[in-house]
Amino acid sequence: MNSGAVSTGVETTAMNPALTQPVIKVQDVSFGYGEKTIINRVSFEAQEGEFLSLIGPFGCGMSTLPAMTDGVLTPDSGSALVEDPSPAPGWVPAPRCSRASRSCRGSPSCTT
């Protein structure tokens, strides 16, 4: 892995400080593609009712980090856990498209 990677900071705003159990817990997560480290030792927790934003430049791991909490990708180190990964009642997923063709999301012609 690339030792020159920069750690990504994630900040949360508590909407209800009385809640104590995190629903999302990312602990010391690192991930890379080949020799390129994308995420380097990121840790944060999110409580129920909190809003989380990932902000950064292209290629810094903004879509990679949620993919690890969803179980789509496996961290190279650390853990990314979600308390209850089941969707809310009535939730309907968008049609799946390859990463290269995200612009077709929601299009009836999207079959990949």
PDB file of N, CA and C in Angstrom:
ATOM      1  N   MET A   1       0.822  -1.191   0.000  1.00  0.00           N
ATOM      2  CA  MET A   1       0.000   0.000   0.000  1.00  0.00           C
ATOM      3  C   MET A   1       0.868   1.257   0.000  1.00  0.00           C
ATOM      4  N   ASN A   2       0.338   2.303  -0.519  1.00  0.00           N
ATOM      5  CA  ASN A   2       1.024   3.591  -0.603  1.00  0.00           C
ATOM      6  C   ASN A   2       1.116   4.208   0.792  1.00  0.00           C
ATOM      7  N   SER A   3       2.316   4.413   1.285  1.00  0.00           N
ATOM      8  CA  SER A   3       2.498   4.972   2.625  1.00  0.00           C
ATOM      9  C   SER A   3       2.258   6.472   2.668  1.00  0.00           C
ATOM     10  N   GLY A   4       2.071   7.114   1.511  1.00  0.00           N
ATOM     11  CA  GLY A   4       1.871   8.551   1.460  1.00  0.00           C
ATOM     12  C   GLY A   4       0.409   8.951   1.481  1.00  0.00           C
ATOM     13  N   ALA A   5      -0.506   8.032   1.838  1.00  0.00           N
ATOM     14  CA  ALA A   5      -1.934   8.333   1.836  1.00  0.00           C
ATOM     15  C   ALA A   5      -2.288   9.316   2.939  1.00  0.00           C
ATOM     16  N   VAL A   6      -3.314  10.083   2.704  1.00  0.00           N
ATOM     17  CA  VAL A   6      -3.780  11.067   3.673  1.00  0.00           C
ATOM     18  C   VAL A   6      -5.039  10.537   4.337  1.00  0.00           C
ATOM     19  N   SER A   7      -5.111  10.605   5.658  1.00  0.00           N
ATOM     20  CA  SER A   7      -6.308  10.174   6.375  1.00  0.00           C
ATOM     21  C   SER A   7      -7.455  11.116   6.073  1.00  0.00           C
ATOM     22  N   THR A   8      -8.659  10.552   5.944  1.00  0.00           N
ATOM     23  CA  THR A   8      -9.854  11.343   5.675  1.00  0.00           C
ATOM     24  C   THR A   8     -10.573  11.585   6.989  1.00  0.00           C
ATOM     25  N   GLY A   9     -10.878  12.837   7.308  1.00  0.00           N
ATOM     26  CA  GLY A   9     -11.613  13.159   8.525  1.00  0.00           C
ATOM     27  C   GLY A   9     -13.101  13.135   8.255  1.00  0.00           C
ATOM     28  N   VAL A  10     -13.874  12.573   9.175  1.00  0.00           N
ATOM     29  CA  VAL A  10     -15.324  12.522   9.051  1.00  0.00           C
ATOM     30  C   VAL A  10     -15.903  13.138  10.311  1.00  0.00           C
ATOM     31  N   GLU A  11     -16.805  14.079  10.152  1.00  0.00           N
ATOM     32  CA  GLU A  11     -17.384  14.783  11.289  1.00  0.00           C
ATOM     33  C   GLU A  11     -18.892  14.564  11.313  1.00  0.00           C
ATOM     34  N   THR A  12     -19.461  14.333  12.499  1.00  0.00           N
ATOM     35  CA  THR A  12     -20.899  14.132  12.625  1.00  0.00           C
ATOM     36  C   THR A  12     -21.505  15.201  13.508  1.00  0.00           C
ATOM     37  N   THR A  13     -22.800  15.410  13.361  1.00  0.00           N
ATOM     38  CA  THR A  13     -23.545  16.329  14.213  1.00  0.00           C
ATOM     39  C   THR A  13     -24.628  15.527  14.909  1.00  0.00           C
ATOM     40  N   ALA A  14     -24.582  15.476  16.232  1.00  0.00           N
ATOM     41  CA  ALA A  14     -25.556  14.689  16.991  1.00  0.00           C
ATOM     42  C   ALA A  14     -26.914  15.368  16.971  1.00  0.00           C
ATOM     43  N   MET A  15     -27.918  14.629  16.512  1.00  0.00           N
ATOM     44  CA  MET A  15     -29.276  15.145  16.511  1.00  0.00           C
ATOM     45  C   MET A  15     -29.988  14.779  17.818  1.00  0.00           C
ATOM     46  N   ASN A  16     -29.556  13.699  18.474  1.00  0.00           N
ATOM     47  CA  ASN A  16     -30.152  13.257  19.724  1.00  0.00           C
ATOM     48  C   ASN A  16     -29.058  12.685  20.613  1.00  0.00           C
ATOM     49  N   PRO A  17     -28.446  13.494  21.478  1.00  0.00           N
ATOM     50  CA  PRO A  17     -27.329  13.027  22.295  1.00  0.00           C
ATOM     51  C   PRO A  17     -27.706  11.958  23.318  1.00  0.00           C
ATOM     52  N   ALA A  18     -29.006  11.719  23.560  1.00  0.00           N
ATOM     53  CA  ALA A  18     -29.419  10.711  24.528  1.00  0.00           C
ATOM     54  C   ALA A  18     -29.181   9.293  24.001  1.00  0.00           C
ATOM     55  N   LEU A  19     -29.094   9.114  22.685  1.00  0.00           N
ATOM     56  CA  LEU A  19     -28.852   7.796  22.117  1.00  0.00           C
ATOM     57  C   LEU A  19     -27.385   7.435  22.309  1.00  0.00           C
ATOM     58  N   THR A  20     -27.127   6.191  22.725  1.00  0.00           N
ATOM     59  CA  THR A  20     -25.759   5.824  23.038  1.00  0.00           C
ATOM     60  C   THR A  20     -25.186   4.742  22.127  1.00  0.00           C
ATOM     61  N   GLN A  21     -26.003   3.928  21.491  1.00  0.00           N
ATOM     62  CA  GLN A  21     -25.500   2.859  20.646  1.00  0.00           C
ATOM     63  C   GLN A  21     -25.387   3.327  19.198  1.00  0.00           C
ATOM     64  N   PRO A  22     -24.202   3.225  18.595  1.00  0.00           N
ATOM     65  CA  PRO A  22     -24.063   3.644  17.199  1.00  0.00           C
ATOM     66  C   PRO A  22     -24.785   2.685  16.267  1.00  0.00           C
ATOM     67  N   VAL A  23     -25.373   3.221  15.199  1.00  0.00           N
ATOM     68  CA  VAL A  23     -25.981   2.369  14.179  1.00  0.00           C
ATOM     69  C   VAL A  23     -24.987   2.112  13.052  1.00  0.00           C
ATOM     70  N   ILE A  24     -23.990   2.990  12.914  1.00  0.00           N
ATOM     71  CA  ILE A  24     -22.879   2.778  11.989  1.00  0.00           C
ATOM     72  C   ILE A  24     -21.600   2.974  12.781  1.00  0.00           C
ATOM     73  N   LYS A  25     -20.690   2.012  12.664  1.00  0.00           N
ATOM     74  CA  LYS A  25     -19.424   2.111  13.383  1.00  0.00           C
ATOM     75  C   LYS A  25     -18.292   1.704  12.436  1.00  0.00           C
ATOM     76  N   VAL A  26     -17.443   2.655  12.120  1.00  0.00           N
ATOM     77  CA  VAL A  26     -16.281   2.420  11.273  1.00  0.00           C
ATOM     78  C   VAL A  26     -15.065   2.602  12.160  1.00  0.00           C
ATOM     79  N   GLN A  27     -14.231   1.563  12.231  1.00  0.00           N
ATOM     80  CA  GLN A  27     -13.122   1.592  13.167  1.00  0.00           C
ATOM     81  C   GLN A  27     -11.805   1.262  12.469  1.00  0.00           C
ATOM     82  N   ASP A  28     -10.931   2.261  12.375  1.00  0.00           N
ATOM     83  CA  ASP A  28      -9.577   2.108  11.858  1.00  0.00           C
ATOM     84  C   ASP A  28      -9.554   1.442  10.475  1.00  0.00           C
ATOM     85  N   VAL A  29     -10.455   1.882   9.592  1.00  0.00           N
ATOM     86  CA  VAL A  29     -10.614   1.271   8.270  1.00  0.00           C
ATOM     87  C   VAL A  29      -9.594   1.822   7.281  1.00  0.00           C
ATOM     88  N   SER A  30      -8.980   0.903   6.553  1.00  0.00           N
ATOM     89  CA  SER A  30      -8.101   1.252   5.434  1.00  0.00           C
ATOM     90  C   SER A  30      -8.528   0.423   4.233  1.00  0.00           C
ATOM     91  N   PHE A  31      -8.381   1.014   3.044  1.00  0.00           N
ATOM     92  CA  PHE A  31      -8.758   0.317   1.817  1.00  0.00           C
ATOM     93  C   PHE A  31      -7.996   0.912   0.654  1.00  0.00           C
ATOM     94  N   GLY A  32      -7.638   0.049  -0.283  1.00  0.00           N
ATOM     95  CA  GLY A  32      -6.965   0.522  -1.480  1.00  0.00           C
ATOM     96  C   GLY A  32      -7.246  -0.371  -2.663  1.00  0.00           C
ATOM     97  N   TYR A  33      -6.935   0.152  -3.823  1.00  0.00           N
ATOM     98  CA  TYR A  33      -7.023  -0.603  -5.066  1.00  0.00           C
ATOM     99  C   TYR A  33      -5.591  -0.840  -5.528  1.00  0.00           C
ATOM    100  N   GLY A  34      -5.152  -2.083  -5.501  1.00  0.00           N
ATOM    101  CA  GLY A  34      -3.762  -2.386  -5.856  1.00  0.00           C
ATOM    102  C   GLY A  34      -2.812  -1.718  -4.883  1.00  0.00           C
ATOM    103  N   GLU A  35      -1.873  -0.962  -5.402  1.00  0.00           N
ATOM    104  CA  GLU A  35      -0.890  -0.267  -4.565  1.00  0.00           C
ATOM    105  C   GLU A  35      -1.364   1.103  -4.093  1.00  0.00           C
ATOM    106  N   LYS A  36      -2.533   1.556  -4.562  1.00  0.00           N
ATOM    107  CA  LYS A  36      -3.016   2.904  -4.224  1.00  0.00           C
ATOM    108  C   LYS A  36      -3.964   2.853  -3.021  1.00  0.00           C
ATOM    109  N   THR A  37      -3.555   3.448  -1.913  1.00  0.00           N
ATOM    110  CA  THR A  37      -4.398   3.534  -0.726  1.00  0.00           C
ATOM    111  C   THR A  37      -5.414   4.658  -0.931  1.00  0.00           C
ATOM    112  N   ILE A  38      -6.685   4.335  -0.783  1.00  0.00           N
ATOM    113  CA  ILE A  38      -7.764   5.302  -0.957  1.00  0.00           C
ATOM    114  C   ILE A  38      -8.227   5.830   0.401  1.00  0.00           C
ATOM    115  N   ILE A  39      -8.393   4.924   1.354  1.00  0.00           N
ATOM    116  CA  ILE A  39      -8.844   5.277   2.706  1.00  0.00           C
ATOM    117  C   ILE A  39      -7.794   4.764   3.680  1.00  0.00           C
ATOM    118  N   ASN A  40      -7.344   5.622   4.580  1.00  0.00           N
ATOM    119  CA  ASN A  40      -6.264   5.271   5.491  1.00  0.00           C
ATOM    120  C   ASN A  40      -6.664   5.524   6.941  1.00  0.00           C
ATOM    121  N   ARG A  41      -6.985   4.453   7.666  1.00  0.00           N
ATOM    122  CA  ARG A  41      -7.261   4.476   9.103  1.00  0.00           C
ATOM    123  C   ARG A  41      -8.361   5.468   9.501  1.00  0.00           C
ATOM    124  N   VAL A  42      -9.508   5.366   8.875  1.00  0.00           N
ATOM    125  CA  VAL A  42     -10.651   6.229   9.186  1.00  0.00           C
ATOM    126  C   VAL A  42     -11.491   5.578  10.275  1.00  0.00           C
ATOM    127  N   SER A  43     -11.924   6.376  11.240  1.00  0.00           N
ATOM    128  CA  SER A  43     -12.801   5.901  12.315  1.00  0.00           C
ATOM    129  C   SER A  43     -13.890   6.927  12.577  1.00  0.00           C
ATOM    130  N   PHE A  44     -15.121   6.466  12.772  1.00  0.00           N
ATOM    131  CA  PHE A  44     -16.222   7.324  13.198  1.00  0.00           C
ATOM    132  C   PHE A  44     -17.400   6.451  13.603  1.00  0.00           C
ATOM    133  N   GLU A  45     -18.328   7.049  14.328  1.00  0.00           N
ATOM    134  CA  GLU A  45     -19.582   6.405  14.697  1.00  0.00           C
ATOM    135  C   GLU A  45     -20.717   7.347  14.354  1.00  0.00           C
ATOM    136  N   ALA A  46     -21.866   6.795  14.016  1.00  0.00           N
ATOM    137  CA  ALA A  46     -23.067   7.592  13.761  1.00  0.00           C
ATOM    138  C   ALA A  46     -24.211   6.986  14.553  1.00  0.00           C
ATOM    139  N   GLN A  47     -24.898   7.842  15.282  1.00  0.00           N
ATOM    140  CA  GLN A  47     -26.058   7.421  16.071  1.00  0.00           C
ATOM    141  C   GLN A  47     -27.317   7.534  15.222  1.00  0.00           C
ATOM    142  N   GLU A  48     -28.371   6.847  15.637  1.00  0.00           N
ATOM    143  CA  GLU A  48     -29.662   6.979  14.960  1.00  0.00           C
ATOM    144  C   GLU A  48     -30.102   8.439  15.027  1.00  0.00           C
ATOM    145  N   GLY A  49     -30.541   8.980  13.894  1.00  0.00           N
ATOM    146  CA  GLY A  49     -30.995  10.361  13.840  1.00  0.00           C
ATOM    147  C   GLY A  49     -29.914  11.354  13.439  1.00  0.00           C
ATOM    148  N   GLU A  50     -28.664  10.914  13.356  1.00  0.00           N
ATOM    149  CA  GLU A  50     -27.586  11.806  12.929  1.00  0.00           C
ATOM    150  C   GLU A  50     -27.518  11.856  11.409  1.00  0.00           C
ATOM    151  N   PHE A  51     -27.023  12.957  10.892  1.00  0.00           N
ATOM    152  CA  PHE A  51     -26.766  13.110   9.468  1.00  0.00           C
ATOM    153  C   PHE A  51     -25.260  13.062   9.271  1.00  0.00           C
ATOM    154  N   LEU A  52     -24.831  12.401   8.230  1.00  0.00           N
ATOM    155  CA  LEU A  52     -23.417  12.244   7.930  1.00  0.00           C
ATOM    156  C   LEU A  52     -23.171  12.731   6.510  1.00  0.00           C
ATOM    157  N   SER A  53     -22.117  13.480   6.301  1.00  0.00           N
ATOM    158  CA  SER A  53     -21.749  13.934   4.965  1.00  0.00           C
ATOM    159  C   SER A  53     -20.304  13.562   4.700  1.00  0.00           C
ATOM    160  N   LEU A  54     -20.051  13.033   3.520  1.00  0.00           N
ATOM    161  CA  LEU A  54     -18.689  12.768   3.077  1.00  0.00           C
ATOM    162  C   LEU A  54     -18.380  13.780   1.984  1.00  0.00           C
ATOM    163  N   ILE A  55     -17.409  14.616   2.241  1.00  0.00           N
ATOM    164  CA  ILE A  55     -17.061  15.692   1.309  1.00  0.00           C
ATOM    165  C   ILE A  55     -15.581  15.580   0.989  1.00  0.00           C
ATOM    166  N   GLY A  56     -15.263  15.651  -0.297  1.00  0.00           N
ATOM    167  CA  GLY A  56     -13.866  15.605  -0.677  1.00  0.00           C
ATOM    168  C   GLY A  56     -13.705  15.577  -2.174  1.00  0.00           C
ATOM    169  N   PRO A  57     -12.470  15.589  -2.618  1.00  0.00           N
ATOM    170  CA  PRO A  57     -12.201  15.592  -4.057  1.00  0.00           C
ATOM    171  C   PRO A  57     -12.444  14.215  -4.677  1.00  0.00           C
ATOM    172  N   PHE A  58     -12.571  14.203  -6.000  1.00  0.00           N
ATOM    173  CA  PHE A  58     -12.735  12.972  -6.755  1.00  0.00           C
ATOM    174  C   PHE A  58     -11.625  11.990  -6.388  1.00  0.00           C
ATOM    175  N   GLY A  59     -11.993  10.751  -6.105  1.00  0.00           N
ATOM    176  CA  GLY A  59     -11.007   9.717  -5.824  1.00  0.00           C
ATOM    177  C   GLY A  59     -10.566   9.595  -4.385  1.00  0.00           C
ATOM    178  N   CYS A  60     -11.225  10.323  -3.453  1.00  0.00           N
ATOM    179  CA  CYS A  60     -10.773  10.268  -2.058  1.00  0.00           C
ATOM    180  C   CYS A  60     -11.494   9.200  -1.244  1.00  0.00           C
ATOM    181  N   GLY A  61     -12.434   8.462  -1.836  1.00  0.00           N
ATOM    182  CA  GLY A  61     -13.087   7.371  -1.120  1.00  0.00           C
ATOM    183  C   GLY A  61     -14.504   7.650  -0.674  1.00  0.00           C
ATOM    184  N   MET A  62     -15.139   8.697  -1.204  1.00  0.00           N
ATOM    185  CA  MET A  62     -16.501   9.041  -0.773  1.00  0.00           C
ATOM    186  C   MET A  62     -17.521   7.954  -1.107  1.00  0.00           C
ATOM    187  N   SER A  63     -17.352   7.217  -2.186  1.00  0.00           N
ATOM    188  CA  SER A  63     -18.271   6.119  -2.488  1.00  0.00           C
ATOM    189  C   SER A  63     -17.714   4.790  -2.005  1.00  0.00           C
ATOM    190  N   THR A  64     -16.413   4.707  -1.805  1.00  0.00           N
ATOM    191  CA  THR A  64     -15.790   3.477  -1.311  1.00  0.00           C
ATOM    192  C   THR A  64     -16.167   3.218   0.149  1.00  0.00           C
ATOM    193  N   LEU A  65     -16.178   4.247   0.964  1.00  0.00           N
ATOM    194  CA  LEU A  65     -16.500   4.084   2.382  1.00  0.00           C
ATOM    195  C   LEU A  65     -17.913   3.540   2.599  1.00  0.00           C
ATOM    196  N   PRO A  66     -18.950   4.102   1.984  1.00  0.00           N
ATOM    197  CA  PRO A  66     -20.279   3.508   2.135  1.00  0.00           C
ATOM    198  C   PRO A  66     -20.370   2.090   1.557  1.00  0.00           C
ATOM    199  N   ALA A  67     -19.613   1.799   0.515  1.00  0.00           N
ATOM    200  CA  ALA A  67     -19.614   0.445  -0.051  1.00  0.00           C
ATOM    201  C   ALA A  67     -19.097  -0.569   0.960  1.00  0.00           C
ATOM    202  N   MET A  68     -18.196  -0.135   1.838  1.00  0.00           N
ATOM    203  CA  MET A  68     -17.705  -1.042   2.886  1.00  0.00           C
ATOM    204  C   MET A  68     -18.747  -1.234   3.982  1.00  0.00           C
ATOM    205  N   THR A  69     -19.474  -0.187   4.350  1.00  0.00           N
ATOM    206  CA  THR A  69     -20.517  -0.359   5.371  1.00  0.00           C
ATOM    207  C   THR A  69     -21.674  -1.190   4.822  1.00  0.00           C
ATOM    208  N   ASP A  70     -21.889  -1.164   3.500  1.00  0.00           N
ATOM    209  CA  ASP A  70     -22.931  -1.979   2.866  1.00  0.00           C
ATOM    210  C   ASP A  70     -22.498  -3.422   2.659  1.00  0.00           C
ATOM    211  N   GLY A  71     -21.210  -3.711   2.832  1.00  0.00           N
ATOM    212  CA  GLY A  71     -20.705  -5.065   2.621  1.00  0.00           C
ATOM    213  C   GLY A  71     -20.348  -5.357   1.170  1.00  0.00           C
ATOM    214  N   VAL A  72     -20.407  -4.357   0.301  1.00  0.00           N
ATOM    215  CA  VAL A  72     -20.049  -4.535  -1.105  1.00  0.00           C
ATOM    216  C   VAL A  72     -18.540  -4.694  -1.244  1.00  0.00           C
ATOM    217  N   LEU A  73     -17.775  -3.940  -0.462  1.00  0.00           N
ATOM    218  CA  LEU A  73     -16.321  -4.043  -0.431  1.00  0.00           C
ATOM    219  C   LEU A  73     -15.878  -4.445   0.969  1.00  0.00           C
ATOM    220  N   THR A  74     -14.741  -5.117   1.062  1.00  0.00           N
ATOM    221  CA  THR A  74     -14.178  -5.526   2.352  1.00  0.00           C
ATOM    222  C   THR A  74     -12.955  -4.664   2.653  1.00  0.00           C
ATOM    223  N   PRO A  75     -12.902  -4.041   3.833  1.00  0.00           N
ATOM    224  CA  PRO A  75     -11.728  -3.219   4.178  1.00  0.00           C
ATOM    225  C   PRO A  75     -10.451  -4.053   4.184  1.00  0.00           C
ATOM    226  N   ASP A  76      -9.321  -3.438   3.830  1.00  0.00           N
ATOM    227  CA  ASP A  76      -8.027  -4.108   3.934  1.00  0.00           C
ATOM    228  C   ASP A  76      -7.670  -4.310   5.400  1.00  0.00           C
ATOM    229  N   SER A  77      -8.106  -3.386   6.257  1.00  0.00           N
ATOM    230  CA  SER A  77      -7.921  -3.513   7.704  1.00  0.00           C
ATOM    231  C   SER A  77      -9.040  -2.734   8.388  1.00  0.00           C
ATOM    232  N   GLY A  78      -9.268  -3.045   9.656  1.00  0.00           N
ATOM    233  CA  GLY A  78     -10.325  -2.384  10.415  1.00  0.00           C
ATOM    234  C   GLY A  78     -11.675  -3.017  10.174  1.00  0.00           C
ATOM    235  N   SER A  79     -12.729  -2.352  10.656  1.00  0.00           N
ATOM    236  CA  SER A  79     -14.080  -2.886  10.499  1.00  0.00           C
ATOM    237  C   SER A  79     -15.068  -1.770  10.203  1.00  0.00           C
ATOM    238  N   ALA A  80     -16.070  -2.094   9.395  1.00  0.00           N
ATOM    239  CA  ALA A  80     -17.137  -1.166   9.044  1.00  0.00           C
ATOM    240  C   ALA A  80     -18.447  -1.907   9.254  1.00  0.00           C
ATOM    241  N   LEU A  81     -19.181  -1.521  10.301  1.00  0.00           N
ATOM    242  CA  LEU A  81     -20.372  -2.260  10.703  1.00  0.00           C
ATOM    243  C   LEU A  81     -21.615  -1.385  10.701  1.00  0.00           C
ATOM    244  N   VAL A  82     -22.744  -1.980  10.328  1.00  0.00           N
ATOM    245  CA  VAL A  82     -24.039  -1.322  10.388  1.00  0.00           C
ATOM    246  C   VAL A  82     -24.910  -2.184  11.286  1.00  0.00           C
ATOM    247  N   GLU A  83     -25.588  -1.547  12.267  1.00  0.00           N
ATOM    248  CA  GLU A  83     -26.391  -2.278  13.248  1.00  0.00           C
ATOM    249  C   GLU A  83     -27.460  -3.148  12.587  1.00  0.00           C
ATOM    250  N   ASP A  84     -28.278  -2.572  11.712  1.00  0.00           N
ATOM    251  CA  ASP A  84     -29.345  -3.301  11.040  1.00  0.00           C
ATOM    252  C   ASP A  84     -29.360  -2.905   9.572  1.00  0.00           C
ATOM    253  N   PRO A  85     -28.721  -3.704   8.715  1.00  0.00           N
ATOM    254  CA  PRO A  85     -28.610  -3.321   7.317  1.00  0.00           C
ATOM    255  C   PRO A  85     -29.877  -3.508   6.487  1.00  0.00           C
ATOM    256  N   SER A  86     -30.982  -3.932   7.103  1.00  0.00           N
ATOM    257  CA  SER A  86     -32.203  -4.128   6.316  1.00  0.00           C
ATOM    258  C   SER A  86     -32.809  -2.776   5.948  1.00  0.00           C
ATOM    259  N   PRO A  87     -33.343  -2.657   4.732  1.00  0.00           N
ATOM    260  CA  PRO A  87     -33.914  -1.376   4.291  1.00  0.00           C
ATOM    261  C   PRO A  87     -35.220  -1.050   5.007  1.00  0.00           C
ATOM    262  N   ALA A  88     -35.582   0.202   5.003  1.00  0.00           N
ATOM    263  CA  ALA A  88     -36.835   0.653   5.609  1.00  0.00           C
ATOM    264  C   ALA A  88     -38.021   0.087   4.828  1.00  0.00           C
ATOM    265  N   PRO A  89     -39.169  -0.122   5.491  1.00  0.00           N
ATOM    266  CA  PRO A  89     -40.350  -0.621   4.781  1.00  0.00           C
ATOM    267  C   PRO A  89     -40.730   0.297   3.618  1.00  0.00           C
ATOM    268  N   GLY A  90     -41.019  -0.299   2.468  1.00  0.00           N
ATOM    269  CA  GLY A  90     -41.421   0.468   1.305  1.00  0.00           C
ATOM    270  C   GLY A  90     -40.271   0.921   0.428  1.00  0.00           C
ATOM    271  N   TRP A  91     -39.016   0.685   0.877  1.00  0.00           N
ATOM    272  CA  TRP A  91     -37.859   1.110   0.097  1.00  0.00           C
ATOM    273  C   TRP A  91     -37.730   0.238  -1.142  1.00  0.00           C
ATOM    274  N   VAL A  92     -37.514   0.867  -2.287  1.00  0.00           N
ATOM    275  CA  VAL A  92     -37.332   0.150  -3.558  1.00  0.00           C
ATOM    276  C   VAL A  92     -35.974   0.550  -4.116  1.00  0.00           C
ATOM    277  N   PRO A  93     -35.081  -0.428  -4.368  1.00  0.00           N
ATOM    278  CA  PRO A  93     -33.760  -0.075  -4.875  1.00  0.00           C
ATOM    279  C   PRO A  93     -33.817   0.446  -6.305  1.00  0.00           C
ATOM    280  N   ALA A  94     -32.869   1.322  -6.630  1.00  0.00           N
ATOM    281  CA  ALA A  94     -32.738   1.828  -8.001  1.00  0.00           C
ATOM    282  C   ALA A  94     -32.158   0.716  -8.865  1.00  0.00           C
ATOM    283  N   PRO A  95     -32.421   0.748 -10.174  1.00  0.00           N
ATOM    284  CA  PRO A  95     -31.809  -0.260 -11.059  1.00  0.00           C
ATOM    285  C   PRO A  95     -30.294  -0.193 -10.954  1.00  0.00           C
ATOM    286  N   ARG A  96     -29.648  -1.346 -10.979  1.00  0.00           N
ATOM    287  CA  ARG A  96     -28.194  -1.396 -10.859  1.00  0.00           C
ATOM    288  C   ARG A  96     -27.542  -1.156 -12.206  1.00  0.00           C
ATOM    289  N   CYS A  97     -26.483  -0.366 -12.186  1.00  0.00           N
ATOM    290  CA  CYS A  97     -25.709  -0.071 -13.385  1.00  0.00           C
ATOM    291  C   CYS A  97     -24.242  -0.284 -13.060  1.00  0.00           C
ATOM    292  N   SER A  98     -23.444  -0.518 -14.069  1.00  0.00           N
ATOM    293  CA  SER A  98     -22.010  -0.631 -13.826  1.00  0.00           C
ATOM    294  C   SER A  98     -21.482   0.725 -13.381  1.00  0.00           C
ATOM    295  N   ARG A  99     -20.376   0.729 -12.672  1.00  0.00           N
ATOM    296  CA  ARG A  99     -19.794   1.968 -12.164  1.00  0.00           C
ATOM    297  C   ARG A  99     -19.482   2.939 -13.302  1.00  0.00           C
ATOM    298  N   ALA A 100     -19.117   2.406 -14.466  1.00  0.00           N
ATOM    299  CA  ALA A 100     -18.751   3.257 -15.591  1.00  0.00           C
ATOM    300  C   ALA A 100     -19.966   3.939 -16.212  1.00  0.00           C
ATOM    301  N   SER A 101     -21.172   3.421 -15.937  1.00  0.00           N
ATOM    302  CA  SER A 101     -22.356   3.996 -16.577  1.00  0.00           C
ATOM    303  C   SER A 101     -23.385   4.454 -15.554  1.00  0.00           C
ATOM    304  N   ARG A 102     -22.931   5.130 -14.517  1.00  0.00           N
ATOM    305  CA  ARG A 102     -23.840   5.592 -13.472  1.00  0.00           C
ATOM    306  C   ARG A 102     -24.915   6.541 -13.976  1.00  0.00           C
ATOM    307  N   SER A 103     -24.668   7.197 -15.106  1.00  0.00           N
ATOM    308  CA  SER A 103     -25.639   8.162 -15.596  1.00  0.00           C
ATOM    309  C   SER A 103     -26.953   7.513 -16.010  1.00  0.00           C
ATOM    310  N   CYS A 104     -26.985   6.191 -16.170  1.00  0.00           N
ATOM    311  CA  CYS A 104     -28.219   5.540 -16.583  1.00  0.00           C
ATOM    312  C   CYS A 104     -29.082   5.151 -15.387  1.00  0.00           C
ATOM    313  N   ARG A 105     -28.630   5.422 -14.162  1.00  0.00           N
ATOM    314  CA  ARG A 105     -29.397   5.042 -12.967  1.00  0.00           C
ATOM    315  C   ARG A 105     -30.832   5.573 -13.069  1.00  0.00           C
ATOM    316  N   GLY A 106     -31.798   4.667 -12.901  1.00  0.00           N
ATOM    317  CA  GLY A 106     -33.189   5.032 -12.949  1.00  0.00           C
ATOM    318  C   GLY A 106     -33.783   4.917 -14.341  1.00  0.00           C
ATOM    319  N   SER A 107     -32.970   4.644 -15.330  1.00  0.00           N
ATOM    320  CA  SER A 107     -33.455   4.536 -16.700  1.00  0.00           C
ATOM    321  C   SER A 107     -33.986   3.123 -16.949  1.00  0.00           C
ATOM    322  N   PRO A 108     -35.160   2.978 -17.576  1.00  0.00           N
ATOM    323  CA  PRO A 108     -35.702   1.653 -17.852  1.00  0.00           C
ATOM    324  C   PRO A 108     -34.790   0.835 -18.770  1.00  0.00           C
ATOM    325  N   SER A 109     -33.928   1.489 -19.536  1.00  0.00           N
ATOM    326  CA  SER A 109     -33.046   0.757 -20.453  1.00  0.00           C
ATOM    327  C   SER A 109     -31.773   0.254 -19.768  1.00  0.00           C
ATOM    328  N   CYS A 110     -31.589   0.577 -18.501  1.00  0.00           N
ATOM    329  CA  CYS A 110     -30.400   0.162 -17.770  1.00  0.00           C
ATOM    330  C   CYS A 110     -30.552  -1.295 -17.366  1.00  0.00           C
ATOM    331  N   THR A 111     -29.725  -2.173 -17.910  1.00  0.00           N
ATOM    332  CA  THR A 111     -29.845  -3.602 -17.614  1.00  0.00           C
ATOM    333  C   THR A 111     -28.586  -4.205 -17.032  1.00  0.00           C
ATOM    334  N   THR A 112     -27.512  -3.423 -16.860  1.00  0.00           N
ATOM    335  CA  THR A 112     -26.270  -3.985 -16.355  1.00  0.00           C
ATOM    336  C   THR A 112     -26.229  -4.013 -14.862  1.00  0.00           C
TER     337      THR A 112
END
